[in-house]
Structures are given as structure tokens and as C-alpha cells.
């Protein structure tokens, strides 16, 4: 079922869940919610998005990354970023960065939504 320009929403909520990093791999799952909280306890070298929208549809998911007391953790994966420069997240210890992942027609785009929250 799709929506058209005349449809309105009276309220909109997204489920929040916690996802963990395992050996550098982060798995995000649309079935668990569209807002994932992730403690950056190690570098992320791959991001997998489960139950992503099917071909011909669009979806978005946000991830809130919180650096641990060490800081300087990085997030890389198989997604496209603006100018191919990667995600711009804060490296300061205990800082929070938010990233949006947009999935359209099988392509995942990653974009920084804000950083340095503390």
C-alpha cells in the first residue's frame, strides 16, 4: 500500500533498539526498528542492513553512535557517501554522532546527520 500527496499522519514514531558490534561487523534490522543505538567499542568495518525495503520502495534508518572512553573509533561499510568521503562522525571520547542510512532500489546511502553531541 502506498501513500499519496493527500494522505496525512497525526503521529509518527520509530522503534528504538540497541545493536552491538561483533568483530567489526554491525547489523541493523528494519524489523527491530528504524533507530539503532550503537556503542562504538571497536571500529566498524562492515554494516549489514537486514529486512531492507524491497526493490521499488524506499526506507530510512538512523543509527546513533556513541564513542567509548577511548574514542577515535571509525565506521566504514558498503554504502555510498557524499563525495565518497565516508561518514563524518565525532572521534572524541564519549561523544555522540547520528547517521542516516537511506535505502532506495537496492542502493544504500550513508550520511552524517550530526556529530559531537555530548
PDB file of N, CA and C in Angstrom:
ATOM      1  N   UNK A   1       0.847  -1.176   0.000  1.00  0.00           N
ATOM      2  CA  UNK A   1       0.000   0.000   0.000  1.00  0.00           C
ATOM      3  C   UNK A   1       0.888   1.234   0.000  1.00  0.00           C
ATOM      4  N   UNK A   2       0.610   2.167  -0.823  1.00  0.00           N
ATOM      5  CA  UNK A   2       1.366   3.411  -0.872  1.00  0.00           C
ATOM      6  C   UNK A   2       0.553   4.573  -0.350  1.00  0.00           C
ATOM      7  N   UNK A   3       1.199   5.672  -0.217  1.00  0.00           N
ATOM      8  CA  UNK A   3       0.539   6.894   0.233  1.00  0.00           C
ATOM      9  C   UNK A   3       0.598   7.904  -0.893  1.00  0.00           C
ATOM     10  N   UNK A   4      -0.347   8.833  -0.897  1.00  0.00           N
ATOM     11  CA  UNK A   4      -0.308   9.879  -1.907  1.00  0.00           C
ATOM     12  C   UNK A   4      -0.214  11.240  -1.233  1.00  0.00           C
ATOM     13  N   UNK A   5      -0.139  12.280  -2.023  1.00  0.00           N
ATOM     14  CA  UNK A   5       0.087  13.635  -1.507  1.00  0.00           C
ATOM     15  C   UNK A   5      -1.036  14.111  -0.591  1.00  0.00           C
ATOM     16  N   UNK A   6      -2.203  13.523  -0.663  1.00  0.00           N
ATOM     17  CA  UNK A   6      -3.330  13.940   0.178  1.00  0.00           C
ATOM     18  C   UNK A   6      -3.373  13.222   1.517  1.00  0.00           C
ATOM     19  N   UNK A   7      -2.538  12.204   1.701  1.00  0.00           N
ATOM     20  CA  UNK A   7      -2.507  11.474   2.960  1.00  0.00           C
ATOM     21  C   UNK A   7      -1.787  12.295   4.023  1.00  0.00           C
ATOM     22  N   UNK A   8      -2.272  12.220   5.249  1.00  0.00           N
ATOM     23  CA  UNK A   8      -1.620  12.917   6.362  1.00  0.00           C
ATOM     24  C   UNK A   8      -1.442  11.947   7.515  1.00  0.00           C
ATOM     25  N   UNK A   9      -0.514  12.272   8.383  1.00  0.00           N
ATOM     26  CA  UNK A   9      -0.252  11.474   9.569  1.00  0.00           C
ATOM     27  C   UNK A   9      -0.525  12.341  10.781  1.00  0.00           C
ATOM     28  N   UNK A  10      -1.174  11.779  11.779  1.00  0.00           N
ATOM     29  CA  UNK A  10      -1.399  12.554  13.002  1.00  0.00           C
ATOM     30  C   UNK A  10      -0.252  12.339  13.983  1.00  0.00           C
ATOM     31  N   UNK A  11       0.448  11.243  13.869  1.00  0.00           N
ATOM     32  CA  UNK A  11       1.596  10.975  14.742  1.00  0.00           C
ATOM     33  C   UNK A  11       2.512   9.994  14.028  1.00  0.00           C
ATOM     34  N   UNK A  12       3.787  10.096  14.342  1.00  0.00           N
ATOM     35  CA  UNK A  12       4.743   9.192  13.723  1.00  0.00           C
ATOM     36  C   UNK A  12       5.790   8.837  14.770  1.00  0.00           C
ATOM     37  N   UNK A  13       6.019   7.580  14.949  1.00  0.00           N
ATOM     38  CA  UNK A  13       7.006   7.108  15.914  1.00  0.00           C
ATOM     39  C   UNK A  13       7.858   6.041  15.263  1.00  0.00           C
ATOM     40  N   UNK A  14       9.108   5.945  15.712  1.00  0.00           N
ATOM     41  CA  UNK A  14      10.002   4.900  15.261  1.00  0.00           C
ATOM     42  C   UNK A  14      10.480   4.115  16.469  1.00  0.00           C
ATOM     43  N   UNK A  15      10.566   2.815  16.334  1.00  0.00           N
ATOM     44  CA  UNK A  15      11.074   1.987  17.412  1.00  0.00           C
ATOM     45  C   UNK A  15      12.577   2.207  17.578  1.00  0.00           C
ATOM     46  N   UNK A  16      13.046   2.200  18.818  1.00  0.00           N
ATOM     47  CA  UNK A  16      14.468   2.344  19.139  1.00  0.00           C
ATOM     48  C   UNK A  16      14.954   1.000  19.677  1.00  0.00           C
ATOM     49  N   UNK A  17      16.100   0.566  19.200  1.00  0.00           N
ATOM     50  CA  UNK A  17      16.684  -0.669  19.710  1.00  0.00           C
ATOM     51  C   UNK A  17      18.193  -0.514  19.802  1.00  0.00           C
ATOM     52  N   UNK A  18      18.835  -1.430  20.509  1.00  0.00           N
ATOM     53  CA  UNK A  18      20.284  -1.421  20.669  1.00  0.00           C
ATOM     54  C   UNK A  18      20.886  -2.498  19.783  1.00  0.00           C
ATOM     55  N   UNK A  19      21.920  -2.125  19.037  1.00  0.00           N
ATOM     56  CA  UNK A  19      22.641  -3.077  18.200  1.00  0.00           C
ATOM     57  C   UNK A  19      24.095  -3.091  18.666  1.00  0.00           C
ATOM     58  N   UNK A  20      24.740  -4.240  18.547  1.00  0.00           N
ATOM     59  CA  UNK A  20      26.124  -4.357  19.005  1.00  0.00           C
ATOM     60  C   UNK A  20      27.041  -4.707  17.841  1.00  0.00           C
ATOM     61  N   UNK A  21      28.313  -4.382  18.025  1.00  0.00           N
ATOM     62  CA  UNK A  21      29.342  -4.677  17.033  1.00  0.00           C
ATOM     63  C   UNK A  21      29.961  -6.023  17.387  1.00  0.00           C
ATOM     64  N   UNK A  22      30.144  -6.868  16.397  1.00  0.00           N
ATOM     65  CA  UNK A  22      30.780  -8.155  16.621  1.00  0.00           C
ATOM     66  C   UNK A  22      31.905  -8.328  15.608  1.00  0.00           C
ATOM     67  N   UNK A  23      33.131  -8.329  16.071  1.00  0.00           N
ATOM     68  CA  UNK A  23      34.311  -8.476  15.210  1.00  0.00           C
ATOM     69  C   UNK A  23      34.310  -7.465  14.064  1.00  0.00           C
ATOM     70  N   UNK A  24      33.942  -6.232  14.361  1.00  0.00           N
ATOM     71  CA  UNK A  24      33.941  -5.169  13.371  1.00  0.00           C
ATOM     72  C   UNK A  24      32.683  -5.089  12.534  1.00  0.00           C
ATOM     73  N   UNK A  25      31.774  -6.040  12.693  1.00  0.00           N
ATOM     74  CA  UNK A  25      30.551  -6.072  11.889  1.00  0.00           C
ATOM     75  C   UNK A  25      29.362  -5.537  12.685  1.00  0.00           C
ATOM     76  N   UNK A  26      28.621  -4.634  12.063  1.00  0.00           N
ATOM     77  CA  UNK A  26      27.397  -4.092  12.653  1.00  0.00           C
ATOM     78  C   UNK A  26      26.226  -4.537  11.802  1.00  0.00           C
ATOM     79  N   UNK A  27      25.199  -5.085  12.439  1.00  0.00           N
ATOM     80  CA  UNK A  27      23.987  -5.485  11.739  1.00  0.00           C
ATOM     81  C   UNK A  27      22.834  -4.628  12.241  1.00  0.00           C
ATOM     82  N   UNK A  28      22.172  -3.952  11.303  1.00  0.00           N
ATOM     83  CA  UNK A  28      20.978  -3.168  11.597  1.00  0.00           C
ATOM     84  C   UNK A  28      19.799  -3.903  10.988  1.00  0.00           C
ATOM     85  N   UNK A  29      18.631  -3.863  11.650  1.00  0.00           N
ATOM     86  CA  UNK A  29      17.497  -4.656  11.193  1.00  0.00           C
ATOM     87  C   UNK A  29      16.221  -3.810  11.198  1.00  0.00           C
ATOM     88  N   UNK A  30      15.647  -3.600  10.020  1.00  0.00           N
ATOM     89  CA  UNK A  30      14.406  -2.843   9.906  1.00  0.00           C
ATOM     90  C   UNK A  30      13.286  -3.454  10.740  1.00  0.00           C
ATOM     91  N   UNK A  31      13.292  -4.770  10.921  1.00  0.00           N
ATOM     92  CA  UNK A  31      12.232  -5.409  11.704  1.00  0.00           C
ATOM     93  C   UNK A  31      12.304  -5.048  13.189  1.00  0.00           C
ATOM     94  N   UNK A  32      13.472  -4.590  13.651  1.00  0.00           N
ATOM     95  CA  UNK A  32      13.606  -4.213  15.063  1.00  0.00           C
ATOM     96  C   UNK A  32      13.293  -2.741  15.294  1.00  0.00           C
ATOM     97  N   UNK A  33      13.355  -1.929  14.251  1.00  0.00           N
ATOM     98  CA  UNK A  33      13.071  -0.501  14.372  1.00  0.00           C
ATOM     99  C   UNK A  33      13.900   0.293  13.395  1.00  0.00           C
ATOM    100  N   UNK A  34      13.642   1.580  13.369  1.00  0.00           N
ATOM    101  CA  UNK A  34      14.352   2.455  12.443  1.00  0.00           C
ATOM    102  C   UNK A  34      15.327   3.401  13.154  1.00  0.00           C
ATOM    103  N   UNK A  35      15.605   3.131  14.436  1.00  0.00           N
ATOM    104  CA  UNK A  35      16.593   3.934  15.170  1.00  0.00           C
ATOM    105  C   UNK A  35      17.403   2.981  16.043  1.00  0.00           C
ATOM    106  N   UNK A  36      18.677   2.830  15.698  1.00  0.00           N
ATOM    107  CA  UNK A  36      19.550   1.916  16.427  1.00  0.00           C
ATOM    108  C   UNK A  36      20.561   2.702  17.247  1.00  0.00           C
ATOM    109  N   UNK A  37      20.743   2.291  18.492  1.00  0.00           N
ATOM    110  CA  UNK A  37      21.776   2.874  19.345  1.00  0.00           C
ATOM    111  C   UNK A  37      22.952   1.903  19.358  1.00  0.00           C
ATOM    112  N   UNK A  38      24.153   2.450  19.074  1.00  0.00           N
ATOM    113  CA  UNK A  38      25.336   1.603  18.947  1.00  0.00           C
ATOM    114  C   UNK A  38      26.468   2.197  19.777  1.00  0.00           C
ATOM    115  N   UNK A  39      27.020   1.403  20.697  1.00  0.00           N
ATOM    116  CA  UNK A  39      28.204   1.819  21.449  1.00  0.00           C
ATOM    117  C   UNK A  39      29.431   1.468  20.618  1.00  0.00           C
ATOM    118  N   UNK A  40      30.214   2.486  20.268  1.00  0.00           N
ATOM    119  CA  UNK A  40      31.419   2.250  19.467  1.00  0.00           C
ATOM    120  C   UNK A  40      32.545   1.772  20.387  1.00  0.00           C
ATOM    121  N   UNK A  41      32.625   0.463  20.553  1.00  0.00           N
ATOM    122  CA  UNK A  41      33.650  -0.156  21.388  1.00  0.00           C
ATOM    123  C   UNK A  41      34.816  -0.688  20.552  1.00  0.00           C
ATOM    124  N   UNK A  42      34.647  -0.644  19.234  1.00  0.00           N
ATOM    125  CA  UNK A  42      35.678  -1.047  18.285  1.00  0.00           C
ATOM    126  C   UNK A  42      35.330  -0.419  16.947  1.00  0.00           C
ATOM    127  N   UNK A  43      36.256  -0.431  16.003  1.00  0.00           N
ATOM    128  CA  UNK A  43      35.983   0.094  14.668  1.00  0.00           C
ATOM    129  C   UNK A  43      34.957  -0.789  13.968  1.00  0.00           C
ATOM    130  N   UNK A  44      34.079  -0.156  13.212  1.00  0.00           N
ATOM    131  CA  UNK A  44      33.116  -0.887  12.388  1.00  0.00           C
ATOM    132  C   UNK A  44      33.677  -0.943  10.977  1.00  0.00           C
ATOM    133  N   UNK A  45      33.829  -2.159  10.466  1.00  0.00           N
ATOM    134  CA  UNK A  45      34.381  -2.338   9.123  1.00  0.00           C
ATOM    135  C   UNK A  45      33.336  -2.803   8.112  1.00  0.00           C
ATOM    136  N   UNK A  46      32.158  -3.209   8.602  1.00  0.00           N
ATOM    137  CA  UNK A  46      31.073  -3.583   7.691  1.00  0.00           C
ATOM    138  C   UNK A  46      29.733  -3.308   8.364  1.00  0.00           C
ATOM    139  N   UNK A  47      28.790  -2.866   7.556  1.00  0.00           N
ATOM    140  CA  UNK A  47      27.435  -2.609   8.020  1.00  0.00           C
ATOM    141  C   UNK A  47      26.488  -3.419   7.148  1.00  0.00           C
ATOM    142  N   UNK A  48      25.680  -4.255   7.777  1.00  0.00           N
ATOM    143  CA  UNK A  48      24.675  -5.044   7.073  1.00  0.00           C
ATOM    144  C   UNK A  48      23.307  -4.567   7.531  1.00  0.00           C
ATOM    145  N   UNK A  49      22.429  -4.331   6.570  1.00  0.00           N
ATOM    146  CA  UNK A  49      21.068  -3.907   6.905  1.00  0.00           C
ATOM    147  C   UNK A  49      20.124  -5.032   6.510  1.00  0.00           C
ATOM    148  N   UNK A  50      19.512  -5.641   7.520  1.00  0.00           N
ATOM    149  CA  UNK A  50      18.577  -6.743   7.297  1.00  0.00           C
ATOM    150  C   UNK A  50      17.165  -6.212   7.072  1.00  0.00           C
ATOM    151  N   UNK A  51      16.388  -6.972   6.319  1.00  0.00           N
ATOM    152  CA  UNK A  51      14.985  -6.667   6.064  1.00  0.00           C
ATOM    153  C   UNK A  51      14.796  -5.263   5.481  1.00  0.00           C
ATOM    154  N   UNK A  52      15.736  -4.866   4.628  1.00  0.00           N
ATOM    155  CA  UNK A  52      15.673  -3.558   3.970  1.00  0.00           C
ATOM    156  C   UNK A  52      14.496  -3.518   3.004  1.00  0.00           C
ATOM    157  N   UNK A  53      14.066  -2.330   2.648  1.00  0.00           N
ATOM    158  CA  UNK A  53      12.964  -2.207   1.691  1.00  0.00           C
ATOM    159  C   UNK A  53      13.272  -2.939   0.390  1.00  0.00           C
ATOM    160  N   UNK A  54      12.240  -3.476  -0.209  1.00  0.00           N
ATOM    161  CA  UNK A  54      12.401  -4.234  -1.451  1.00  0.00           C
ATOM    162  C   UNK A  54      12.563  -3.293  -2.642  1.00  0.00           C
ATOM    163  N   UNK A  55      13.019  -3.850  -3.748  1.00  0.00           N
ATOM    164  CA  UNK A  55      13.200  -3.084  -4.978  1.00  0.00           C
ATOM    165  C   UNK A  55      11.920  -2.313  -5.299  1.00  0.00           C
ATOM    166  N   UNK A  56      12.066  -1.046  -5.649  1.00  0.00           N
ATOM    167  CA  UNK A  56      10.917  -0.222  -5.984  1.00  0.00           C
ATOM    168  C   UNK A  56      10.341   0.539  -4.804  1.00  0.00           C
ATOM    169  N   UNK A  57      10.945   0.354  -3.617  1.00  0.00           N
ATOM    170  CA  UNK A  57      10.480   1.073  -2.432  1.00  0.00           C
ATOM    171  C   UNK A  57      11.654   1.795  -1.780  1.00  0.00           C
ATOM    172  N   UNK A  58      11.347   2.604  -0.787  1.00  0.00           N
ATOM    173  CA  UNK A  58      12.326   3.459  -0.123  1.00  0.00           C
ATOM    174  C   UNK A  58      12.183   3.284   1.390  1.00  0.00           C
ATOM    175  N   UNK A  59      13.294   3.342   2.087  1.00  0.00           N
ATOM    176  CA  UNK A  59      13.259   3.308   3.542  1.00  0.00           C
ATOM    177  C   UNK A  59      14.453   4.039   4.110  1.00  0.00           C
ATOM    178  N   UNK A  60      14.342   4.462   5.347  1.00  0.00           N
ATOM    179  CA  UNK A  60      15.471   5.112   6.002  1.00  0.00           C
ATOM    180  C   UNK A  60      15.591   4.618   7.426  1.00  0.00           C
ATOM    181  N   UNK A  61      16.811   4.642   7.918  1.00  0.00           N
ATOM    182  CA  UNK A  61      17.105   4.190   9.268  1.00  0.00           C
ATOM    183  C   UNK A  61      18.192   5.097   9.828  1.00  0.00           C
ATOM    184  N   UNK A  62      18.078   5.422  11.104  1.00  0.00           N
ATOM    185  CA  UNK A  62      19.098   6.228  11.772  1.00  0.00           C
ATOM    186  C   UNK A  62      19.864   5.367  12.763  1.00  0.00           C
ATOM    187  N   UNK A  63      21.134   5.673  12.904  1.00  0.00           N
ATOM    188  CA  UNK A  63      21.972   4.994  13.892  1.00  0.00           C
ATOM    189  C   UNK A  63      22.657   6.058  14.732  1.00  0.00           C
ATOM    190  N   UNK A  64      22.565   5.890  16.036  1.00  0.00           N
ATOM    191  CA  UNK A  64      23.218   6.791  16.993  1.00  0.00           C
ATOM    192  C   UNK A  64      24.467   6.091  17.508  1.00  0.00           C
ATOM    193  N   UNK A  65      25.623   6.643  17.154  1.00  0.00           N
ATOM    194  CA  UNK A  65      26.900   6.060  17.549  1.00  0.00           C
ATOM    195  C   UNK A  65      27.474   6.838  18.722  1.00  0.00           C
ATOM    196  N   UNK A  66      27.792   6.132  19.802  1.00  0.00           N
ATOM    197  CA  UNK A  66      28.411   6.755  20.974  1.00  0.00           C
ATOM    198  C   UNK A  66      29.815   6.190  21.132  1.00  0.00           C
ATOM    199  N   UNK A  67      30.805   7.070  20.999  1.00  0.00           N
ATOM    200  CA  UNK A  67      32.193   6.651  21.191  1.00  0.00           C
ATOM    201  C   UNK A  67      32.376   6.182  22.639  1.00  0.00           C
ATOM    202  N   UNK A  68      33.206   5.169  22.850  1.00  0.00           N
ATOM    203  CA  UNK A  68      33.530   4.744  24.210  1.00  0.00           C
ATOM    204  C   UNK A  68      34.556   5.714  24.798  1.00  0.00           C
ATOM    205  N   UNK A  69      35.071   5.410  25.976  1.00  0.00           N
ATOM    206  CA  UNK A  69      36.024   6.295  26.659  1.00  0.00           C
ATOM    207  C   UNK A  69      37.343   6.439  25.892  1.00  0.00           C
ATOM    208  N   UNK A  70      37.631   5.488  24.999  1.00  0.00           N
ATOM    209  CA  UNK A  70      38.838   5.572  24.181  1.00  0.00           C
ATOM    210  C   UNK A  70      38.661   6.560  23.042  1.00  0.00           C
ATOM    211  N   UNK A  71      37.502   6.528  22.397  1.00  0.00           N
ATOM    212  CA  UNK A  71      37.230   7.407  21.268  1.00  0.00           C
ATOM    213  C   UNK A  71      37.986   6.995  20.026  1.00  0.00           C
ATOM    214  N   UNK A  72      37.898   7.807  19.000  1.00  0.00           N
ATOM    215  CA  UNK A  72      38.586   7.611  17.714  1.00  0.00           C
ATOM    216  C   UNK A  72      38.173   6.344  16.978  1.00  0.00           C
ATOM    217  N   UNK A  73      37.013   5.794  17.292  1.00  0.00           N
ATOM    218  CA  UNK A  73      36.508   4.624  16.556  1.00  0.00           C
ATOM    219  C   UNK A  73      35.939   5.099  15.224  1.00  0.00           C
ATOM    220  N   UNK A  74      36.001   4.253  14.209  1.00  0.00           N
ATOM    221  CA  UNK A  74      35.539   4.617  12.874  1.00  0.00           C
ATOM    222  C   UNK A  74      34.395   3.717  12.423  1.00  0.00           C
ATOM    223  N   UNK A  75      33.645   4.190  11.425  1.00  0.00           N
ATOM    224  CA  UNK A  75      32.525   3.438  10.863  1.00  0.00           C
ATOM    225  C   UNK A  75      32.688   3.431   9.343  1.00  0.00           C
ATOM    226  N   UNK A  76      32.954   2.258   8.783  1.00  0.00           N
ATOM    227  CA  UNK A  76      33.033   2.103   7.333  1.00  0.00           C
ATOM    228  C   UNK A  76      32.167   0.930   6.916  1.00  0.00           C
ATOM    229  N   UNK A  77      31.818   0.876   5.659  1.00  0.00           N
ATOM    230  CA  UNK A  77      30.988  -0.223   5.175  1.00  0.00           C
ATOM    231  C   UNK A  77      30.703  -0.074   3.698  1.00  0.00           C
ATOM    232  N   UNK A  78      29.834  -0.918   3.193  1.00  0.00           N
ATOM    233  CA  UNK A  78      29.493  -0.935   1.766  1.00  0.00           C
ATOM    234  C   UNK A  78      28.258  -0.087   1.512  1.00  0.00           C
ATOM    235  N   UNK A  79      28.409   1.207   1.623  1.00  0.00           N
ATOM    236  CA  UNK A  79      27.338   2.145   1.335  1.00  0.00           C
ATOM    237  C   UNK A  79      27.988   3.355   0.673  1.00  0.00           C
ATOM    238  N   UNK A  80      27.210   4.108  -0.043  1.00  0.00           N
ATOM    239  CA  UNK A  80      27.716   5.289  -0.723  1.00  0.00           C
ATOM    240  C   UNK A  80      27.618   6.495   0.211  1.00  0.00           C
ATOM    241  N   UNK A  81      28.604   7.395   0.133  1.00  0.00           N
ATOM    242  CA  UNK A  81      28.570   8.620   0.927  1.00  0.00           C
ATOM    243  C   UNK A  81      28.813   9.819   0.012  1.00  0.00           C
ATOM    244  N   UNK A  82      28.445  10.986   0.490  1.00  0.00           N
ATOM    245  CA  UNK A  82      28.606  12.219  -0.265  1.00  0.00           C
ATOM    246  C   UNK A  82      30.063  12.403  -0.678  1.00  0.00           C
ATOM    247  N   UNK A  83      30.298  12.438  -1.957  1.00  0.00           N
ATOM    248  CA  UNK A  83      31.652  12.615  -2.470  1.00  0.00           C
ATOM    249  C   UNK A  83      32.562  11.426  -2.224  1.00  0.00           C
ATOM    250  N   UNK A  84      32.011  10.317  -1.719  1.00  0.00           N
ATOM    251  CA  UNK A  84      32.815   9.133  -1.437  1.00  0.00           C
ATOM    252  C   UNK A  84      33.776   9.306  -0.291  1.00  0.00           C
ATOM    253  N   UNK A  85      33.544  10.328   0.545  1.00  0.00           N
ATOM    254  CA  UNK A  85      34.494  10.664   1.613  1.00  0.00           C
ATOM    255  C   UNK A  85      34.244   9.926   2.921  1.00  0.00           C
ATOM    256  N   UNK A  86      33.255   9.062   2.985  1.00  0.00           N
ATOM    257  CA  UNK A  86      32.971   8.330   4.215  1.00  0.00           C
ATOM    258  C   UNK A  86      32.098   9.142   5.156  1.00  0.00           C
ATOM    259  N   UNK A  87      31.756   8.539   6.261  1.00  0.00           N
ATOM    260  CA  UNK A  87      30.896   9.200   7.249  1.00  0.00           C
ATOM    261  C   UNK A  87      31.719  10.149   8.109  1.00  0.00           C
ATOM    262  N   UNK A  88      31.155  11.293   8.404  1.00  0.00           N
ATOM    263  CA  UNK A  88      31.805  12.293   9.250  1.00  0.00           C
ATOM    264  C   UNK A  88      31.223  12.174  10.658  1.00  0.00           C
ATOM    265  N   UNK A  89      31.897  11.378  11.498  1.00  0.00           N
ATOM    266  CA  UNK A  89      31.437  11.225  12.884  1.00  0.00           C
ATOM    267  C   UNK A  89      32.497  11.773  13.825  1.00  0.00           C
ATOM    268  N   UNK A  90      32.052  12.149  15.005  1.00  0.00           N
ATOM    269  CA  UNK A  90      32.962  12.691  16.005  1.00  0.00           C
ATOM    270  C   UNK A  90      33.867  11.585  16.540  1.00  0.00           C
ATOM    271  N   UNK A  91      35.132  11.917  16.763  1.00  0.00           N
ATOM    272  CA  UNK A  91      36.071  10.935  17.303  1.00  0.00           C
ATOM    273  C   UNK A  91      36.328  11.141  18.793  1.00  0.00           C
ATOM    274  N   UNK A  92      35.789  12.195  19.378  1.00  0.00           N
ATOM    275  CA  UNK A  92      36.026  12.491  20.795  1.00  0.00           C
ATOM    276  C   UNK A  92      35.423  11.405  21.684  1.00  0.00           C
ATOM    277  N   UNK A  93      36.118  11.076  22.740  1.00  0.00           N
ATOM    278  CA  UNK A  93      35.636  10.074  23.697  1.00  0.00           C
ATOM    279  C   UNK A  93      34.255  10.467  24.210  1.00  0.00           C
ATOM    280  N   UNK A  94      33.364   9.488  24.284  1.00  0.00           N
ATOM    281  CA  UNK A  94      32.005   9.626  24.814  1.00  0.00           C
ATOM    282  C   UNK A  94      31.091  10.537  23.998  1.00  0.00           C
ATOM    283  N   UNK A  95      31.519  10.976  22.828  1.00  0.00           N
ATOM    284  CA  UNK A  95      30.668  11.839  22.003  1.00  0.00           C
ATOM    285  C   UNK A  95      29.658  11.005  21.216  1.00  0.00           C
ATOM    286  N   UNK A  96      28.604  11.658  20.790  1.00  0.00           N
ATOM    287  CA  UNK A  96      27.525  11.002  20.066  1.00  0.00           C
ATOM    288  C   UNK A  96      27.418  11.587  18.662  1.00  0.00           C
ATOM    289  N   UNK A  97      27.282  10.710  17.676  1.00  0.00           N
ATOM    290  CA  UNK A  97      27.044  11.105  16.290  1.00  0.00           C
ATOM    291  C   UNK A  97      25.832  10.340  15.784  1.00  0.00           C
ATOM    292  N   UNK A  98      25.056  10.972  14.915  1.00  0.00           N
ATOM    293  CA  UNK A  98      23.893  10.321  14.323  1.00  0.00           C
ATOM    294  C   UNK A  98      24.119  10.207  12.818  1.00  0.00           C
ATOM    295  N   UNK A  99      23.826   9.032  12.286  1.00  0.00           N
ATOM    296  CA  UNK A  99      23.993   8.752  10.860  1.00  0.00           C
ATOM    297  C   UNK A  99      22.654   8.271  10.316  1.00  0.00           C
ATOM    298  N   UNK A 100      22.311   8.733   9.131  1.00  0.00           N
ATOM    299  CA  UNK A 100      21.112   8.258   8.450  1.00  0.00           C
ATOM    300  C   UNK A 100      21.517   7.352   7.300  1.00  0.00           C
ATOM    301  N   UNK A 101      20.854   6.231   7.198  1.00  0.00           N
ATOM    302  CA  UNK A 101      21.033   5.330   6.073  1.00  0.00           C
ATOM    303  C   UNK A 101      19.736   5.354   5.275  1.00  0.00           C
ATOM    304  N   UNK A 102      19.843   5.634   3.982  1.00  0.00           N
ATOM    305  CA  UNK A 102      18.701   5.668   3.090  1.00  0.00           C
ATOM    306  C   UNK A 102      18.869   4.535   2.099  1.00  0.00           C
ATOM    307  N   UNK A 103      17.828   3.720   1.967  1.00  0.00           N
ATOM    308  CA  UNK A 103      17.878   2.588   1.058  1.00  0.00           C
ATOM    309  C   UNK A 103      16.801   2.793  -0.002  1.00  0.00           C
ATOM    310  N   UNK A 104      17.204   2.871  -1.252  1.00  0.00           N
ATOM    311  CA  UNK A 104      16.263   3.044  -2.358  1.00  0.00           C
ATOM    312  C   UNK A 104      16.691   2.167  -3.516  1.00  0.00           C
ATOM    313  N   UNK A 105      15.783   1.335  -3.965  1.00  0.00           N
ATOM    314  CA  UNK A 105      16.046   0.460  -5.113  1.00  0.00           C
ATOM    315  C   UNK A 105      17.330  -0.343  -4.955  1.00  0.00           C
ATOM    316  N   UNK A 106      17.596  -0.825  -3.746  1.00  0.00           N
ATOM    317  CA  UNK A 106      18.742  -1.685  -3.501  1.00  0.00           C
ATOM    318  C   UNK A 106      20.051  -0.965  -3.252  1.00  0.00           C
ATOM    319  N   UNK A 107      20.062   0.358  -3.297  1.00  0.00           N
ATOM    320  CA  UNK A 107      21.273   1.138  -3.047  1.00  0.00           C
ATOM    321  C   UNK A 107      21.186   1.778  -1.674  1.00  0.00           C
ATOM    322  N   UNK A 108      22.258   1.663  -0.894  1.00  0.00           N
ATOM    323  CA  UNK A 108      22.292   2.260   0.439  1.00  0.00           C
ATOM    324  C   UNK A 108      23.195   3.485   0.433  1.00  0.00           C
ATOM    325  N   UNK A 109      22.643   4.589   0.910  1.00  0.00           N
ATOM    326  CA  UNK A 109      23.395   5.833   1.061  1.00  0.00           C
ATOM    327  C   UNK A 109      23.572   6.094   2.555  1.00  0.00           C
ATOM    328  N   UNK A 110      24.778   6.482   2.955  1.00  0.00           N
ATOM    329  CA  UNK A 110      25.029   6.825   4.349  1.00  0.00           C
ATOM    330  C   UNK A 110      25.366   8.300   4.451  1.00  0.00           C
ATOM    331  N   UNK A 111      24.738   8.990   5.397  1.00  0.00           N
ATOM    332  CA  UNK A 111      25.016  10.422   5.539  1.00  0.00           C
ATOM    333  C   UNK A 111      25.030  10.814   7.010  1.00  0.00           C
ATOM    334  N   UNK A 112      25.964  11.668   7.355  1.00  0.00           N
ATOM    335  CA  UNK A 112      26.063  12.161   8.717  1.00  0.00           C
ATOM    336  C   UNK A 112      24.909  13.121   8.974  1.00  0.00           C
ATOM    337  N   UNK A 113      24.206  12.925  10.097  1.00  0.00           N
ATOM    338  CA  UNK A 113      23.063  13.759  10.437  1.00  0.00           C
ATOM    339  C   UNK A 113      23.408  14.718  11.578  1.00  0.00           C
ATOM    340  N   UNK A 114      24.561  14.573  12.155  1.00  0.00           N
ATOM    341  CA  UNK A 114      25.000  15.438  13.250  1.00  0.00           C
ATOM    342  C   UNK A 114      26.061  14.729  14.056  1.00  0.00           C
ATOM    343  N   UNK A 115      26.957  15.516  14.657  1.00  0.00           N
ATOM    344  CA  UNK A 115      28.028  14.891  15.430  1.00  0.00           C
ATOM    345  C   UNK A 115      28.449  15.792  16.587  1.00  0.00           C
ATOM    346  N   UNK A 116      29.177  15.202  17.512  1.00  0.00           N
ATOM    347  CA  UNK A 116      29.725  15.949  18.627  1.00  0.00           C
ATOM    348  C   UNK A 116      28.734  16.221  19.734  1.00  0.00           C
ATOM    349  N   UNK A 117      27.622  15.506  19.731  1.00  0.00           N
ATOM    350  CA  UNK A 117      26.663  15.667  20.831  1.00  0.00           C
ATOM    351  C   UNK A 117      27.314  15.126  22.094  1.00  0.00           C
ATOM    352  N   UNK A 118      27.132  15.803  23.188  1.00  0.00           N
ATOM    353  CA  UNK A 118      27.691  15.300  24.445  1.00  0.00           C
ATOM    354  C   UNK A 118      26.871  15.786  25.617  1.00  0.00           C
TER     355      UNK A 118
END
